[in-house]
Amino acid sequence: MLGGRISGKALDDRAGACSLIRCVQMLEGQHIPCRLTVLLSSQEELGGNGAKCAAFDIEPTQAVSVDVGFANQPGAPKDKCGDLGAGPMIGFYPVLSRSVTERLCEIADENSIPWQYDVGGSVTGTNADGIAFSRSGVACGIISIAQRNMHTPAEICDIDDIENTARLLAEYVKSGGIAQEVS
C-alpha cells in the first residue's frame, strides 16, 4: 500500500513476530548483558496458553510482550486508539510492571524512537497477562503495533511501526532492561 503500509490477514500477530525476528537480526554480533529468550507462541487469542506454559518453564525475571493494538479508523474512539506510523504503543496497564514500562519509555526517548501511549484500566487481553502472573509474578511490559481492521482479512499496519518496535526491543535488551534485585 502507499506510504509504507501493508495489508493482509493475520497481521495480528504476524506483525509482532516480524518485529521480534527483526530485533534478533539487529542484536546479531552485539553484547547482550542479560539472558534472552524470544518466544513466538501459539493460542494468544485463546487465552495465551502458549505464553503461559513457556513463561512457567523459562522462569523469566522480566519480559516484554509484543502484540497489535487498535489504530484510529472511522468509527473508533480516538482516545482508545493509536495512530498508524506514529511508533510503537507502550502499554500502561495495572497488570504491567511500572519499572518495565518506564524503562521502555526512557529508551525510546533516549534513542529518538517515536512512541505513543496505550492506556487501559485492567488487564491487556494479551500474552502479557499470562506472563505477568506466571509463578510468583514476572515484571512484564507490552509494546503494541497500531493496526486497523483487526481480526479481518484486510488488517493494516505501518512498516515503520514494526521496524521501530524492533529497534525499541533491541535497545531494551542491549540496556539489560530493568535492574534486578539480588537476593
N, C-alpha and C. Protein backbone atom coordinates (compact mmCIF):
# COMPACT_ATOMS: atom_id res chain seq x y z
N MET A 1 0.84 -1.18 0.00
CA MET A 1 0.00 0.00 0.00
C MET A 1 0.89 1.24 0.00
N LEU A 2 0.29 2.38 -0.23
CA LEU A 2 1.04 3.64 -0.21
C LEU A 2 1.55 3.97 1.18
N GLY A 3 2.64 4.71 1.23
CA GLY A 3 3.14 5.24 2.49
C GLY A 3 3.70 4.21 3.46
N GLY A 4 4.18 3.08 2.98
CA GLY A 4 4.77 2.09 3.87
C GLY A 4 3.77 1.25 4.64
N ARG A 5 2.54 1.24 4.18
CA ARG A 5 1.51 0.44 4.85
C ARG A 5 1.42 -0.92 4.17
N ILE A 6 1.08 -1.91 4.97
CA ILE A 6 0.87 -3.25 4.45
C ILE A 6 -0.52 -3.72 4.88
N SER A 7 -1.09 -4.60 4.08
CA SER A 7 -2.41 -5.15 4.40
C SER A 7 -2.38 -6.65 4.17
N GLY A 8 -3.06 -7.38 5.04
CA GLY A 8 -3.13 -8.82 4.88
C GLY A 8 -3.92 -9.44 6.02
N LYS A 9 -4.11 -10.72 5.92
CA LYS A 9 -4.79 -11.43 7.00
C LYS A 9 -3.77 -11.82 8.07
N ALA A 10 -4.21 -11.93 9.28
CA ALA A 10 -3.41 -12.41 10.41
C ALA A 10 -2.16 -11.57 10.71
N LEU A 11 -2.21 -10.27 10.42
CA LEU A 11 -1.10 -9.41 10.85
C LEU A 11 -1.08 -9.34 12.38
N ASP A 12 -2.18 -9.68 13.01
CA ASP A 12 -2.26 -9.93 14.45
C ASP A 12 -2.13 -11.45 14.58
N ASP A 13 -0.98 -11.95 14.88
CA ASP A 13 0.23 -11.42 15.47
C ASP A 13 1.45 -11.56 14.57
N ARG A 14 1.26 -11.63 13.27
CA ARG A 14 2.42 -11.73 12.38
C ARG A 14 3.28 -10.48 12.44
N ALA A 15 2.67 -9.32 12.64
CA ALA A 15 3.44 -8.07 12.75
C ALA A 15 4.35 -8.14 13.98
N GLY A 16 3.82 -8.68 15.08
CA GLY A 16 4.63 -8.83 16.28
C GLY A 16 5.76 -9.82 16.08
N ALA A 17 5.47 -10.94 15.44
CA ALA A 17 6.51 -11.94 15.17
C ALA A 17 7.60 -11.34 14.29
N CYS A 18 7.20 -10.57 13.31
CA CYS A 18 8.16 -9.92 12.42
C CYS A 18 9.07 -8.97 13.20
N SER A 19 8.49 -8.20 14.13
CA SER A 19 9.31 -7.27 14.91
C SER A 19 10.29 -8.02 15.81
N LEU A 20 9.89 -9.17 16.34
CA LEU A 20 10.80 -9.95 17.17
C LEU A 20 11.96 -10.53 16.34
N ILE A 21 11.64 -11.05 15.17
CA ILE A 21 12.69 -11.58 14.29
C ILE A 21 13.65 -10.46 13.87
N ARG A 22 13.10 -9.31 13.54
CA ARG A 22 13.93 -8.16 13.16
C ARG A 22 14.81 -7.72 14.34
N CYS A 23 14.26 -7.74 15.55
CA CYS A 23 15.04 -7.41 16.74
C CYS A 23 16.25 -8.32 16.87
N VAL A 24 16.04 -9.62 16.70
CA VAL A 24 17.15 -10.58 16.78
C VAL A 24 18.20 -10.27 15.72
N GLN A 25 17.77 -9.91 14.51
CA GLN A 25 18.72 -9.52 13.47
C GLN A 25 19.54 -8.30 13.90
N MET A 26 18.89 -7.33 14.53
CA MET A 26 19.59 -6.13 14.99
C MET A 26 20.59 -6.44 16.10
N LEU A 27 20.31 -7.47 16.89
CA LEU A 27 21.19 -7.84 18.00
C LEU A 27 22.37 -8.71 17.59
N GLU A 28 22.36 -9.21 16.36
CA GLU A 28 23.43 -10.10 15.90
C GLU A 28 24.79 -9.43 16.07
N GLY A 29 25.69 -10.12 16.76
CA GLY A 29 27.05 -9.62 16.98
C GLY A 29 27.16 -8.60 18.10
N GLN A 30 26.06 -8.24 18.74
CA GLN A 30 26.06 -7.27 19.83
C GLN A 30 26.27 -7.98 21.17
N HIS A 31 26.85 -7.26 22.14
CA HIS A 31 26.93 -7.78 23.50
C HIS A 31 25.55 -7.65 24.14
N ILE A 32 25.08 -8.74 24.70
CA ILE A 32 23.79 -8.74 25.39
C ILE A 32 24.06 -9.02 26.87
N PRO A 33 23.77 -8.06 27.75
CA PRO A 33 24.11 -8.20 29.17
C PRO A 33 23.07 -8.98 29.99
N CYS A 34 22.25 -9.75 29.32
CA CYS A 34 21.20 -10.50 30.02
C CYS A 34 20.91 -11.77 29.25
N ARG A 35 20.17 -12.65 29.90
CA ARG A 35 19.70 -13.86 29.21
C ARG A 35 18.54 -13.44 28.32
N LEU A 36 18.50 -13.92 27.11
CA LEU A 36 17.43 -13.55 26.18
C LEU A 36 16.76 -14.80 25.63
N THR A 37 15.46 -14.84 25.75
CA THR A 37 14.65 -15.87 25.13
C THR A 37 13.62 -15.16 24.27
N VAL A 38 13.50 -15.55 23.02
CA VAL A 38 12.49 -14.98 22.13
C VAL A 38 11.45 -16.07 21.92
N LEU A 39 10.21 -15.73 22.19
CA LEU A 39 9.13 -16.70 22.11
C LEU A 39 8.11 -16.27 21.07
N LEU A 40 7.85 -17.15 20.12
CA LEU A 40 6.75 -16.98 19.17
C LEU A 40 5.75 -18.07 19.56
N SER A 41 4.75 -17.69 20.34
CA SER A 41 3.86 -18.69 20.93
C SER A 41 2.55 -18.83 20.17
N SER A 42 1.84 -19.88 20.51
CA SER A 42 0.54 -20.14 19.89
C SER A 42 -0.58 -19.82 20.87
N GLN A 43 -1.78 -19.76 20.36
CA GLN A 43 -3.01 -19.64 21.12
C GLN A 43 -3.18 -18.34 21.90
N GLU A 44 -2.57 -17.26 21.44
CA GLU A 44 -2.74 -15.98 22.13
C GLU A 44 -4.20 -15.57 22.17
N GLU A 45 -4.92 -15.81 21.09
CA GLU A 45 -6.33 -15.42 21.03
C GLU A 45 -7.23 -16.36 21.83
N LEU A 46 -6.68 -17.44 22.32
CA LEU A 46 -7.46 -18.44 23.07
C LEU A 46 -7.01 -18.50 24.53
N GLY A 47 -6.63 -17.39 25.08
CA GLY A 47 -6.23 -17.35 26.49
C GLY A 47 -4.73 -17.33 26.73
N GLY A 48 -3.93 -17.25 25.67
CA GLY A 48 -2.49 -17.15 25.83
C GLY A 48 -1.82 -18.38 26.38
N ASN A 49 -2.37 -19.55 26.08
CA ASN A 49 -1.84 -20.78 26.66
C ASN A 49 -0.38 -21.03 26.33
N GLY A 50 0.04 -20.74 25.12
CA GLY A 50 1.44 -20.96 24.74
C GLY A 50 2.39 -20.11 25.58
N ALA A 51 2.07 -18.84 25.75
CA ALA A 51 2.92 -17.94 26.54
C ALA A 51 2.90 -18.31 28.02
N LYS A 52 1.74 -18.72 28.53
CA LYS A 52 1.65 -19.12 29.95
C LYS A 52 2.56 -20.31 30.22
N CYS A 53 2.49 -21.32 29.37
CA CYS A 53 3.32 -22.52 29.56
C CYS A 53 4.80 -22.19 29.44
N ALA A 54 5.15 -21.38 28.45
CA ALA A 54 6.55 -21.03 28.25
C ALA A 54 7.09 -20.21 29.41
N ALA A 55 6.31 -19.23 29.88
CA ALA A 55 6.77 -18.41 31.00
C ALA A 55 6.96 -19.25 32.25
N PHE A 56 6.08 -20.22 32.48
CA PHE A 56 6.24 -21.11 33.63
C PHE A 56 7.54 -21.90 33.51
N ASP A 57 7.84 -22.40 32.30
CA ASP A 57 9.02 -23.23 32.08
C ASP A 57 10.32 -22.41 32.09
N ILE A 58 10.31 -21.26 31.44
CA ILE A 58 11.52 -20.45 31.27
C ILE A 58 11.90 -19.71 32.55
N GLU A 59 10.91 -19.33 33.35
CA GLU A 59 11.11 -18.55 34.58
C GLU A 59 11.84 -17.23 34.32
N PRO A 60 11.29 -16.37 33.45
CA PRO A 60 11.97 -15.10 33.19
C PRO A 60 11.94 -14.18 34.40
N THR A 61 12.92 -13.30 34.50
CA THR A 61 12.91 -12.28 35.55
C THR A 61 12.18 -11.04 35.07
N GLN A 62 12.09 -10.87 33.77
CA GLN A 62 11.35 -9.76 33.17
C GLN A 62 10.98 -10.16 31.75
N ALA A 63 9.97 -9.49 31.21
CA ALA A 63 9.51 -9.83 29.86
C ALA A 63 8.87 -8.61 29.21
N VAL A 64 8.95 -8.59 27.89
CA VAL A 64 8.23 -7.60 27.11
C VAL A 64 7.43 -8.38 26.07
N SER A 65 6.14 -8.26 26.15
CA SER A 65 5.25 -8.92 25.21
C SER A 65 5.00 -7.98 24.03
N VAL A 66 4.83 -8.54 22.85
CA VAL A 66 4.56 -7.75 21.65
C VAL A 66 3.25 -8.23 21.02
N ASP A 67 2.40 -7.29 20.68
CA ASP A 67 1.12 -7.61 20.07
C ASP A 67 0.75 -6.44 19.17
N VAL A 68 -0.48 -6.42 18.72
CA VAL A 68 -1.01 -5.28 17.98
C VAL A 68 -2.04 -4.58 18.86
N GLY A 69 -2.28 -3.31 18.55
CA GLY A 69 -3.29 -2.53 19.25
C GLY A 69 -4.16 -1.83 18.23
N PHE A 70 -5.33 -1.41 18.64
CA PHE A 70 -6.25 -0.76 17.71
C PHE A 70 -5.72 0.58 17.24
N ALA A 71 -5.76 0.78 15.92
CA ALA A 71 -5.36 2.05 15.31
C ALA A 71 -6.61 2.86 14.97
N ASN A 72 -6.44 4.17 14.94
CA ASN A 72 -7.55 5.05 14.58
C ASN A 72 -8.09 4.69 13.21
N GLN A 73 -9.40 4.69 13.12
CA GLN A 73 -10.11 4.45 11.86
C GLN A 73 -11.52 5.00 12.04
N PRO A 74 -12.24 5.19 10.98
CA PRO A 74 -13.60 5.72 11.11
C PRO A 74 -14.44 4.88 12.08
N GLY A 75 -15.11 5.56 13.00
CA GLY A 75 -15.99 4.90 13.95
C GLY A 75 -15.32 4.43 15.22
N ALA A 76 -14.01 4.55 15.32
CA ALA A 76 -13.28 4.10 16.50
C ALA A 76 -13.01 5.31 17.41
N PRO A 77 -13.13 5.14 18.72
CA PRO A 77 -12.86 6.26 19.64
C PRO A 77 -11.38 6.64 19.63
N LYS A 78 -11.08 7.88 19.28
CA LYS A 78 -9.69 8.33 19.15
C LYS A 78 -8.88 8.17 20.43
N ASP A 79 -9.53 8.33 21.59
CA ASP A 79 -8.80 8.24 22.85
C ASP A 79 -8.43 6.81 23.23
N LYS A 80 -8.93 5.83 22.49
CA LYS A 80 -8.63 4.43 22.79
C LYS A 80 -7.83 3.76 21.68
N CYS A 81 -7.31 4.56 20.75
CA CYS A 81 -6.60 4.01 19.60
C CYS A 81 -5.28 4.74 19.38
N GLY A 82 -4.36 4.04 18.73
CA GLY A 82 -3.11 4.65 18.33
C GLY A 82 -3.20 5.12 16.89
N ASP A 83 -2.12 5.70 16.41
CA ASP A 83 -2.05 6.18 15.03
C ASP A 83 -1.07 5.32 14.24
N LEU A 84 -1.45 4.93 13.04
CA LEU A 84 -0.52 4.23 12.16
C LEU A 84 0.66 5.14 11.86
N GLY A 85 1.86 4.60 11.95
CA GLY A 85 3.07 5.35 11.62
C GLY A 85 3.59 6.25 12.72
N ALA A 86 2.96 6.24 13.90
CA ALA A 86 3.38 7.11 15.00
C ALA A 86 4.29 6.40 16.00
N GLY A 87 4.69 5.18 15.69
CA GLY A 87 5.61 4.45 16.55
C GLY A 87 4.92 3.41 17.41
N PRO A 88 5.72 2.62 18.12
CA PRO A 88 5.19 1.58 19.00
C PRO A 88 4.26 2.18 20.06
N MET A 89 3.26 1.41 20.45
CA MET A 89 2.35 1.80 21.52
C MET A 89 2.84 1.12 22.79
N ILE A 90 3.29 1.91 23.76
CA ILE A 90 3.78 1.35 25.02
C ILE A 90 2.62 1.29 26.00
N GLY A 91 2.41 0.09 26.55
CA GLY A 91 1.24 -0.17 27.39
C GLY A 91 1.39 0.31 28.82
N PHE A 92 0.35 1.00 29.29
CA PHE A 92 0.22 1.43 30.68
C PHE A 92 -1.04 0.78 31.23
N TYR A 93 -0.88 -0.35 31.92
CA TYR A 93 -1.99 -1.12 32.47
C TYR A 93 -1.62 -1.52 33.90
N PRO A 94 -2.62 -1.64 34.78
CA PRO A 94 -2.31 -2.05 36.16
C PRO A 94 -1.59 -3.39 36.27
N VAL A 95 -1.84 -4.31 35.36
CA VAL A 95 -1.23 -5.64 35.42
C VAL A 95 0.26 -5.60 35.06
N LEU A 96 0.71 -4.53 34.41
CA LEU A 96 2.09 -4.44 33.93
C LEU A 96 3.02 -3.83 34.97
N SER A 97 4.31 -4.12 34.82
CA SER A 97 5.33 -3.56 35.69
C SER A 97 5.59 -2.11 35.33
N ARG A 98 5.43 -1.25 36.31
CA ARG A 98 5.71 0.18 36.09
C ARG A 98 7.19 0.39 35.71
N SER A 99 8.08 -0.38 36.32
CA SER A 99 9.52 -0.26 36.03
C SER A 99 9.83 -0.59 34.57
N VAL A 100 9.25 -1.67 34.07
CA VAL A 100 9.49 -2.05 32.67
C VAL A 100 8.90 -0.99 31.75
N THR A 101 7.68 -0.56 32.03
CA THR A 101 7.02 0.45 31.20
C THR A 101 7.83 1.74 31.16
N GLU A 102 8.25 2.23 32.32
CA GLU A 102 9.03 3.47 32.37
C GLU A 102 10.36 3.31 31.64
N ARG A 103 10.98 2.13 31.76
CA ARG A 103 12.27 1.90 31.07
C ARG A 103 12.07 1.90 29.56
N LEU A 104 10.98 1.30 29.08
CA LEU A 104 10.70 1.33 27.64
C LEU A 104 10.55 2.77 27.15
N CYS A 105 9.84 3.59 27.91
CA CYS A 105 9.66 5.00 27.53
C CYS A 105 11.00 5.74 27.51
N GLU A 106 11.81 5.53 28.55
CA GLU A 106 13.14 6.17 28.62
C GLU A 106 14.00 5.79 27.42
N ILE A 107 14.03 4.50 27.11
CA ILE A 107 14.85 4.02 26.00
C ILE A 107 14.36 4.59 24.68
N ALA A 108 13.05 4.64 24.49
CA ALA A 108 12.51 5.23 23.26
C ALA A 108 12.95 6.68 23.14
N ASP A 109 12.82 7.43 24.22
CA ASP A 109 13.21 8.85 24.19
C ASP A 109 14.72 9.01 23.96
N GLU A 110 15.54 8.22 24.66
CA GLU A 110 16.99 8.30 24.53
C GLU A 110 17.46 7.99 23.11
N ASN A 111 16.73 7.14 22.39
CA ASN A 111 17.14 6.71 21.05
C ASN A 111 16.30 7.31 19.93
N SER A 112 15.54 8.36 20.26
CA SER A 112 14.69 9.07 19.29
C SER A 112 13.78 8.12 18.52
N ILE A 113 13.22 7.15 19.25
CA ILE A 113 12.26 6.23 18.66
C ILE A 113 10.87 6.78 18.97
N PRO A 114 10.10 7.11 17.95
CA PRO A 114 8.76 7.63 18.22
C PRO A 114 7.92 6.58 18.93
N TRP A 115 7.07 7.01 19.86
CA TRP A 115 6.21 6.07 20.56
C TRP A 115 4.92 6.78 20.96
N GLN A 116 3.94 5.97 21.32
CA GLN A 116 2.65 6.51 21.74
C GLN A 116 2.11 5.69 22.90
N TYR A 117 1.18 6.29 23.62
CA TYR A 117 0.59 5.64 24.79
C TYR A 117 -0.48 4.63 24.38
N ASP A 118 -0.56 3.55 25.17
CA ASP A 118 -1.65 2.58 25.11
C ASP A 118 -2.08 2.37 26.55
N VAL A 119 -3.20 3.00 26.94
CA VAL A 119 -3.62 3.02 28.34
C VAL A 119 -4.87 2.18 28.52
N GLY A 120 -4.86 1.36 29.56
CA GLY A 120 -6.03 0.54 29.88
C GLY A 120 -6.25 0.46 31.37
N GLY A 121 -7.44 0.05 31.76
CA GLY A 121 -7.81 0.07 33.16
C GLY A 121 -7.67 -1.23 33.91
N SER A 122 -7.33 -2.33 33.23
CA SER A 122 -7.20 -3.60 33.95
C SER A 122 -6.15 -4.46 33.26
N VAL A 123 -6.56 -5.60 32.72
CA VAL A 123 -5.62 -6.49 32.02
C VAL A 123 -5.51 -6.06 30.56
N THR A 124 -4.48 -6.58 29.88
CA THR A 124 -4.22 -6.18 28.50
C THR A 124 -4.99 -7.01 27.48
N GLY A 125 -5.43 -8.20 27.86
CA GLY A 125 -6.07 -9.09 26.90
C GLY A 125 -5.07 -9.73 25.95
N THR A 126 -3.80 -9.77 26.35
CA THR A 126 -2.73 -10.31 25.51
C THR A 126 -1.92 -11.34 26.30
N ASN A 127 -0.87 -11.85 25.68
CA ASN A 127 0.05 -12.77 26.35
C ASN A 127 0.68 -12.15 27.60
N ALA A 128 0.77 -10.83 27.64
CA ALA A 128 1.39 -10.16 28.79
C ALA A 128 0.71 -10.54 30.10
N ASP A 129 -0.60 -10.74 30.07
CA ASP A 129 -1.34 -11.08 31.28
C ASP A 129 -0.87 -12.41 31.86
N GLY A 130 -0.79 -13.44 31.03
CA GLY A 130 -0.35 -14.75 31.49
C GLY A 130 1.09 -14.76 31.94
N ILE A 131 1.93 -14.00 31.26
CA ILE A 131 3.35 -13.93 31.63
C ILE A 131 3.48 -13.21 32.97
N ALA A 132 2.79 -12.09 33.15
CA ALA A 132 2.89 -11.30 34.38
C ALA A 132 2.47 -12.12 35.61
N PHE A 133 1.51 -13.05 35.43
CA PHE A 133 1.01 -13.84 36.55
C PHE A 133 1.68 -15.20 36.68
N SER A 134 2.72 -15.45 35.88
CA SER A 134 3.39 -16.75 35.93
C SER A 134 4.17 -16.91 37.24
N ARG A 135 4.09 -18.12 37.77
CA ARG A 135 4.77 -18.47 39.03
C ARG A 135 4.49 -17.42 40.10
N SER A 136 5.51 -16.76 40.62
CA SER A 136 5.28 -15.73 41.65
C SER A 136 5.23 -14.33 41.04
N GLY A 137 5.12 -14.26 39.72
CA GLY A 137 5.00 -12.97 39.03
C GLY A 137 6.24 -12.61 38.25
N VAL A 138 6.04 -11.99 37.12
CA VAL A 138 7.13 -11.57 36.24
C VAL A 138 6.93 -10.09 35.92
N ALA A 139 7.98 -9.31 36.07
CA ALA A 139 7.92 -7.90 35.67
C ALA A 139 7.73 -7.86 34.16
N CYS A 140 6.58 -7.42 33.72
CA CYS A 140 6.24 -7.51 32.30
C CYS A 140 5.77 -6.17 31.76
N GLY A 141 6.16 -5.89 30.53
CA GLY A 141 5.67 -4.74 29.79
C GLY A 141 5.08 -5.21 28.48
N ILE A 142 4.45 -4.29 27.77
CA ILE A 142 3.91 -4.63 26.45
C ILE A 142 4.14 -3.49 25.49
N ILE A 143 4.49 -3.89 24.27
CA ILE A 143 4.59 -2.96 23.15
C ILE A 143 3.61 -3.46 22.10
N SER A 144 2.75 -2.57 21.63
CA SER A 144 1.78 -2.94 20.60
C SER A 144 2.07 -2.16 19.32
N ILE A 145 1.75 -2.78 18.21
CA ILE A 145 1.88 -2.17 16.88
C ILE A 145 0.48 -1.77 16.45
N ALA A 146 0.30 -0.48 16.14
CA ALA A 146 -1.02 0.00 15.74
C ALA A 146 -1.51 -0.75 14.49
N GLN A 147 -2.80 -1.14 14.53
CA GLN A 147 -3.36 -1.92 13.43
C GLN A 147 -4.83 -1.53 13.20
N ARG A 148 -5.14 -1.31 11.95
CA ARG A 148 -6.53 -1.08 11.55
C ARG A 148 -7.16 -2.40 11.13
N ASN A 149 -8.48 -2.44 11.21
CA ASN A 149 -9.27 -3.59 10.73
C ASN A 149 -8.89 -4.90 11.43
N MET A 150 -8.66 -4.83 12.73
CA MET A 150 -8.22 -6.02 13.47
C MET A 150 -9.22 -7.17 13.32
N HIS A 151 -8.67 -8.36 13.20
CA HIS A 151 -9.43 -9.61 13.08
C HIS A 151 -10.28 -9.66 11.82
N THR A 152 -9.76 -9.07 10.75
CA THR A 152 -10.39 -9.17 9.44
C THR A 152 -9.35 -9.66 8.44
N PRO A 153 -9.75 -10.02 7.22
CA PRO A 153 -8.77 -10.44 6.20
C PRO A 153 -7.98 -9.27 5.61
N ALA A 154 -8.30 -8.05 6.02
CA ALA A 154 -7.63 -6.86 5.46
C ALA A 154 -7.06 -5.99 6.57
N GLU A 155 -6.31 -6.60 7.48
CA GLU A 155 -5.66 -5.83 8.55
C GLU A 155 -4.59 -4.93 7.94
N ILE A 156 -4.36 -3.78 8.56
CA ILE A 156 -3.39 -2.81 8.03
C ILE A 156 -2.43 -2.40 9.14
N CYS A 157 -1.14 -2.44 8.84
CA CYS A 157 -0.08 -1.96 9.73
C CYS A 157 0.87 -1.08 8.93
N ASP A 158 1.68 -0.32 9.63
CA ASP A 158 2.71 0.51 9.01
C ASP A 158 4.07 -0.15 9.24
N ILE A 159 4.85 -0.32 8.18
CA ILE A 159 6.15 -0.97 8.28
C ILE A 159 7.08 -0.24 9.25
N ASP A 160 7.01 1.09 9.28
CA ASP A 160 7.85 1.85 10.21
C ASP A 160 7.54 1.51 11.67
N ASP A 161 6.27 1.24 11.97
CA ASP A 161 5.91 0.86 13.34
C ASP A 161 6.52 -0.49 13.71
N ILE A 162 6.54 -1.41 12.77
CA ILE A 162 7.15 -2.72 13.01
C ILE A 162 8.66 -2.56 13.22
N GLU A 163 9.29 -1.77 12.39
CA GLU A 163 10.74 -1.53 12.50
C GLU A 163 11.08 -0.82 13.81
N ASN A 164 10.30 0.20 14.16
CA ASN A 164 10.57 0.93 15.41
C ASN A 164 10.29 0.09 16.64
N THR A 165 9.36 -0.83 16.56
CA THR A 165 9.14 -1.78 17.66
C THR A 165 10.37 -2.66 17.82
N ALA A 166 10.92 -3.15 16.72
CA ALA A 166 12.14 -3.96 16.77
C ALA A 166 13.30 -3.16 17.34
N ARG A 167 13.44 -1.91 16.94
CA ARG A 167 14.52 -1.05 17.47
C ARG A 167 14.38 -0.86 18.98
N LEU A 168 13.15 -0.60 19.43
CA LEU A 168 12.92 -0.40 20.86
C LEU A 168 13.24 -1.67 21.64
N LEU A 169 12.82 -2.80 21.14
CA LEU A 169 13.13 -4.07 21.79
C LEU A 169 14.63 -4.32 21.85
N ALA A 170 15.32 -4.09 20.74
CA ALA A 170 16.77 -4.31 20.69
C ALA A 170 17.50 -3.41 21.69
N GLU A 171 17.10 -2.16 21.76
CA GLU A 171 17.74 -1.23 22.71
C GLU A 171 17.43 -1.63 24.15
N TYR A 172 16.23 -2.11 24.41
CA TYR A 172 15.87 -2.58 25.74
C TYR A 172 16.77 -3.75 26.14
N VAL A 173 16.93 -4.70 25.23
CA VAL A 173 17.78 -5.86 25.51
C VAL A 173 19.22 -5.43 25.72
N LYS A 174 19.75 -4.57 24.86
CA LYS A 174 21.14 -4.12 24.99
C LYS A 174 21.38 -3.37 26.30
N SER A 175 20.33 -2.72 26.82
CA SER A 175 20.46 -2.00 28.09
C SER A 175 20.39 -2.93 29.30
N GLY A 176 19.95 -4.16 29.07
CA GLY A 176 19.76 -5.10 30.18
C GLY A 176 18.39 -4.99 30.82
N GLY A 177 17.54 -4.12 30.27
CA GLY A 177 16.19 -3.96 30.81
C GLY A 177 16.19 -3.23 32.13
N ILE A 178 15.40 -3.73 33.05
CA ILE A 178 15.33 -3.11 34.38
C ILE A 178 16.33 -3.78 35.31
N ALA A 179 16.81 -3.02 36.29
CA ALA A 179 17.73 -3.58 37.29
C ALA A 179 16.98 -4.62 38.10
N GLN A 180 17.63 -5.72 38.37
CA GLN A 180 17.01 -6.80 39.14
C GLN A 180 17.54 -6.79 40.57
N GLU A 181 16.64 -7.03 41.50
CA GLU A 181 17.02 -7.18 42.90
C GLU A 181 17.80 -8.48 43.06
N VAL A 182 18.91 -8.44 43.79
CA VAL A 182 19.68 -9.65 44.06
C VAL A 182 19.36 -10.09 45.48
N SER A 183 18.92 -11.33 45.63
CA SER A 183 18.58 -11.80 46.99
C SER A 183 19.62 -12.73 47.54
